[in-house]
Amino acid sequence: MITAKPVETIYSAIGMRVRYIREAIGMTQQDLAKACGLTRTSLVNFENGKQRCMLHTIEQMAKALNSSPKHLLRGLWT
């Protein structure tokens, strides 16, 4: 059975994972934001768990990070 976590916890976890991968590959917030059609401020807020994003934006982030949406979402629902 899938257990639900609060939405804020999920977005915070995804944001932390995006930041970790972005920093690991040496990409700036500005570069990732531009690749996803976001402002740098929106990306900062998302990485800090203060802003939600659409699923298609998660897909764009994954692509820009040479990752997959599955990887960004892995382990969030257990």
N, C-alpha and C. Protein backbone atom coordinates (compact mmCIF):
# COMPACT_ATOMS: atom_id res chain seq x y z
N MET A 1 0.83 -1.18 0.00
CA MET A 1 0.00 0.00 0.00
C MET A 1 0.87 1.24 0.00
N ILE A 2 0.49 2.23 -0.77
CA ILE A 2 1.23 3.48 -0.85
C ILE A 2 0.76 4.39 0.28
N THR A 3 1.73 4.91 1.03
CA THR A 3 1.37 5.85 2.10
C THR A 3 1.65 7.26 1.61
N ALA A 4 0.75 8.14 1.92
CA ALA A 4 0.86 9.52 1.46
C ALA A 4 1.70 10.34 2.43
N LYS A 5 2.51 11.20 1.88
CA LYS A 5 3.27 12.17 2.66
C LYS A 5 2.68 13.54 2.37
N PRO A 6 2.82 14.46 3.29
CA PRO A 6 2.32 15.81 3.01
C PRO A 6 2.96 16.36 1.74
N VAL A 7 2.21 17.08 0.96
CA VAL A 7 2.67 17.62 -0.31
C VAL A 7 3.93 18.46 -0.12
N GLU A 8 3.99 19.26 0.92
CA GLU A 8 5.14 20.11 1.15
C GLU A 8 6.40 19.28 1.33
N THR A 9 6.30 18.13 1.99
CA THR A 9 7.44 17.25 2.20
C THR A 9 7.93 16.70 0.87
N ILE A 10 7.02 16.35 0.00
CA ILE A 10 7.39 15.81 -1.31
C ILE A 10 8.12 16.85 -2.14
N TYR A 11 7.59 18.06 -2.23
CA TYR A 11 8.24 19.10 -3.01
C TYR A 11 9.59 19.49 -2.42
N SER A 12 9.69 19.48 -1.12
CA SER A 12 10.96 19.78 -0.47
C SER A 12 11.99 18.71 -0.81
N ALA A 13 11.59 17.45 -0.80
CA ALA A 13 12.50 16.35 -1.12
C ALA A 13 12.95 16.41 -2.58
N ILE A 14 12.03 16.70 -3.49
CA ILE A 14 12.39 16.82 -4.90
C ILE A 14 13.34 17.99 -5.09
N GLY A 15 13.05 19.11 -4.46
CA GLY A 15 13.90 20.29 -4.56
C GLY A 15 15.31 20.02 -4.07
N MET A 16 15.44 19.31 -2.95
CA MET A 16 16.77 18.97 -2.44
C MET A 16 17.51 18.06 -3.41
N ARG A 17 16.80 17.12 -4.02
CA ARG A 17 17.42 16.21 -4.97
C ARG A 17 17.87 16.97 -6.22
N VAL A 18 17.04 17.88 -6.70
CA VAL A 18 17.42 18.69 -7.86
C VAL A 18 18.68 19.50 -7.54
N ARG A 19 18.71 20.14 -6.39
CA ARG A 19 19.88 20.94 -6.01
C ARG A 19 21.13 20.07 -5.91
N TYR A 20 21.00 18.90 -5.30
CA TYR A 20 22.14 17.99 -5.14
C TYR A 20 22.70 17.60 -6.51
N ILE A 21 21.85 17.21 -7.42
CA ILE A 21 22.30 16.80 -8.76
C ILE A 21 22.89 17.99 -9.51
N ARG A 22 22.19 19.12 -9.43
CA ARG A 22 22.67 20.33 -10.13
C ARG A 22 24.07 20.71 -9.67
N GLU A 23 24.28 20.72 -8.36
CA GLU A 23 25.59 21.06 -7.83
C GLU A 23 26.64 20.01 -8.18
N ALA A 24 26.25 18.74 -8.17
CA ALA A 24 27.18 17.66 -8.48
C ALA A 24 27.71 17.74 -9.91
N ILE A 25 26.88 18.23 -10.83
CA ILE A 25 27.33 18.33 -12.22
C ILE A 25 27.86 19.72 -12.55
N GLY A 26 27.90 20.60 -11.56
CA GLY A 26 28.48 21.93 -11.75
C GLY A 26 27.60 22.90 -12.53
N MET A 27 26.30 22.71 -12.47
CA MET A 27 25.37 23.59 -13.17
C MET A 27 24.90 24.69 -12.22
N THR A 28 24.80 25.90 -12.73
CA THR A 28 24.33 27.01 -11.90
C THR A 28 22.80 27.01 -11.85
N GLN A 29 22.28 27.71 -10.87
CA GLN A 29 20.82 27.87 -10.80
C GLN A 29 20.30 28.60 -12.03
N GLN A 30 21.04 29.58 -12.49
CA GLN A 30 20.63 30.34 -13.66
C GLN A 30 20.55 29.44 -14.89
N ASP A 31 21.55 28.56 -15.07
CA ASP A 31 21.55 27.66 -16.23
C ASP A 31 20.37 26.70 -16.20
N LEU A 32 20.09 26.13 -15.03
CA LEU A 32 18.97 25.20 -14.92
C LEU A 32 17.64 25.92 -15.11
N ALA A 33 17.51 27.08 -14.51
CA ALA A 33 16.28 27.85 -14.65
C ALA A 33 16.01 28.16 -16.12
N LYS A 34 17.04 28.59 -16.83
CA LYS A 34 16.89 28.93 -18.25
C LYS A 34 16.49 27.69 -19.05
N ALA A 35 17.10 26.55 -18.76
CA ALA A 35 16.79 25.31 -19.49
C ALA A 35 15.35 24.86 -19.26
N CYS A 36 14.77 25.26 -18.14
CA CYS A 36 13.41 24.84 -17.80
C CYS A 36 12.36 25.93 -18.04
N GLY A 37 12.80 27.09 -18.48
CA GLY A 37 11.86 28.18 -18.70
C GLY A 37 11.36 28.82 -17.42
N LEU A 38 12.20 28.79 -16.38
CA LEU A 38 11.85 29.38 -15.09
C LEU A 38 12.74 30.59 -14.83
N THR A 39 12.34 31.38 -13.86
CA THR A 39 13.24 32.42 -13.38
C THR A 39 14.16 31.79 -12.34
N ARG A 40 15.31 32.40 -12.13
CA ARG A 40 16.22 31.89 -11.11
C ARG A 40 15.56 31.91 -9.74
N THR A 41 14.77 32.94 -9.47
CA THR A 41 14.07 33.05 -8.19
C THR A 41 13.11 31.88 -7.98
N SER A 42 12.39 31.50 -9.02
CA SER A 42 11.47 30.36 -8.91
C SER A 42 12.24 29.08 -8.62
N LEU A 43 13.38 28.90 -9.29
CA LEU A 43 14.18 27.70 -9.04
C LEU A 43 14.71 27.68 -7.62
N VAL A 44 15.18 28.82 -7.14
CA VAL A 44 15.66 28.91 -5.75
C VAL A 44 14.55 28.52 -4.79
N ASN A 45 13.36 29.06 -5.00
CA ASN A 45 12.23 28.74 -4.13
C ASN A 45 11.86 27.26 -4.21
N PHE A 46 11.92 26.69 -5.41
CA PHE A 46 11.62 25.27 -5.57
C PHE A 46 12.65 24.41 -4.85
N GLU A 47 13.93 24.72 -5.04
CA GLU A 47 14.98 23.94 -4.38
C GLU A 47 14.87 24.02 -2.86
N ASN A 48 14.36 25.12 -2.36
CA ASN A 48 14.22 25.30 -0.91
C ASN A 48 12.88 24.80 -0.38
N GLY A 49 12.07 24.21 -1.24
CA GLY A 49 10.79 23.66 -0.81
C GLY A 49 9.73 24.70 -0.54
N LYS A 50 9.91 25.90 -1.06
CA LYS A 50 8.96 26.98 -0.82
C LYS A 50 7.99 27.19 -1.98
N GLN A 51 8.19 26.45 -3.06
CA GLN A 51 7.34 26.61 -4.24
C GLN A 51 7.10 25.25 -4.88
N ARG A 52 5.89 25.05 -5.32
CA ARG A 52 5.53 23.83 -6.04
C ARG A 52 5.83 24.02 -7.52
N CYS A 53 5.85 22.91 -8.25
CA CYS A 53 6.01 23.03 -9.70
C CYS A 53 5.16 21.97 -10.39
N MET A 54 4.94 22.20 -11.67
CA MET A 54 4.13 21.28 -12.46
C MET A 54 4.96 20.06 -12.84
N LEU A 55 4.28 18.97 -13.15
CA LEU A 55 4.98 17.75 -13.53
C LEU A 55 5.82 17.93 -14.79
N HIS A 56 5.33 18.70 -15.74
CA HIS A 56 6.13 18.89 -16.95
C HIS A 56 7.42 19.67 -16.65
N THR A 57 7.41 20.49 -15.60
CA THR A 57 8.62 21.20 -15.20
C THR A 57 9.62 20.23 -14.58
N ILE A 58 9.13 19.26 -13.82
CA ILE A 58 10.01 18.24 -13.26
C ILE A 58 10.65 17.45 -14.39
N GLU A 59 9.87 17.17 -15.43
CA GLU A 59 10.42 16.46 -16.60
C GLU A 59 11.50 17.31 -17.28
N GLN A 60 11.26 18.61 -17.41
CA GLN A 60 12.26 19.50 -18.02
C GLN A 60 13.52 19.57 -17.17
N MET A 61 13.36 19.64 -15.85
CA MET A 61 14.51 19.66 -14.95
C MET A 61 15.33 18.39 -15.10
N ALA A 62 14.64 17.26 -15.10
CA ALA A 62 15.34 15.98 -15.23
C ALA A 62 16.14 15.94 -16.53
N LYS A 63 15.54 16.36 -17.61
CA LYS A 63 16.23 16.36 -18.90
C LYS A 63 17.46 17.27 -18.86
N ALA A 64 17.31 18.46 -18.31
CA ALA A 64 18.43 19.40 -18.22
C ALA A 64 19.55 18.87 -17.32
N LEU A 65 19.20 18.03 -16.36
CA LEU A 65 20.18 17.45 -15.44
C LEU A 65 20.71 16.10 -15.92
N ASN A 66 20.35 15.73 -17.15
CA ASN A 66 20.73 14.42 -17.70
C ASN A 66 20.29 13.29 -16.78
N SER A 67 19.09 13.43 -16.28
CA SER A 67 18.50 12.45 -15.37
C SER A 67 17.13 12.07 -15.93
N SER A 68 16.29 11.52 -15.07
CA SER A 68 14.94 11.16 -15.48
C SER A 68 13.97 11.58 -14.38
N PRO A 69 12.71 11.81 -14.75
CA PRO A 69 11.71 12.12 -13.72
C PRO A 69 11.64 11.00 -12.68
N LYS A 70 11.77 9.77 -13.14
CA LYS A 70 11.73 8.62 -12.22
C LYS A 70 12.81 8.74 -11.15
N HIS A 71 14.00 9.16 -11.56
CA HIS A 71 15.09 9.33 -10.60
C HIS A 71 14.79 10.45 -9.60
N LEU A 72 14.25 11.56 -10.09
CA LEU A 72 13.94 12.67 -9.19
C LEU A 72 12.84 12.32 -8.20
N LEU A 73 11.94 11.44 -8.59
CA LEU A 73 10.79 11.09 -7.74
C LEU A 73 11.01 9.81 -6.93
N ARG A 74 12.09 9.09 -7.21
CA ARG A 74 12.33 7.80 -6.55
C ARG A 74 12.35 7.93 -5.04
N GLY A 75 11.62 7.03 -4.40
CA GLY A 75 11.63 6.95 -2.95
C GLY A 75 10.70 7.91 -2.23
N LEU A 76 9.95 8.70 -2.96
CA LEU A 76 9.07 9.67 -2.30
C LEU A 76 7.78 9.03 -1.79
N TRP A 77 7.37 7.95 -2.43
CA TRP A 77 6.18 7.23 -1.98
C TRP A 77 6.60 5.83 -1.63
N THR A 78 6.42 5.47 -0.37
CA THR A 78 6.83 4.14 0.07
C THR A 78 5.70 3.44 0.77
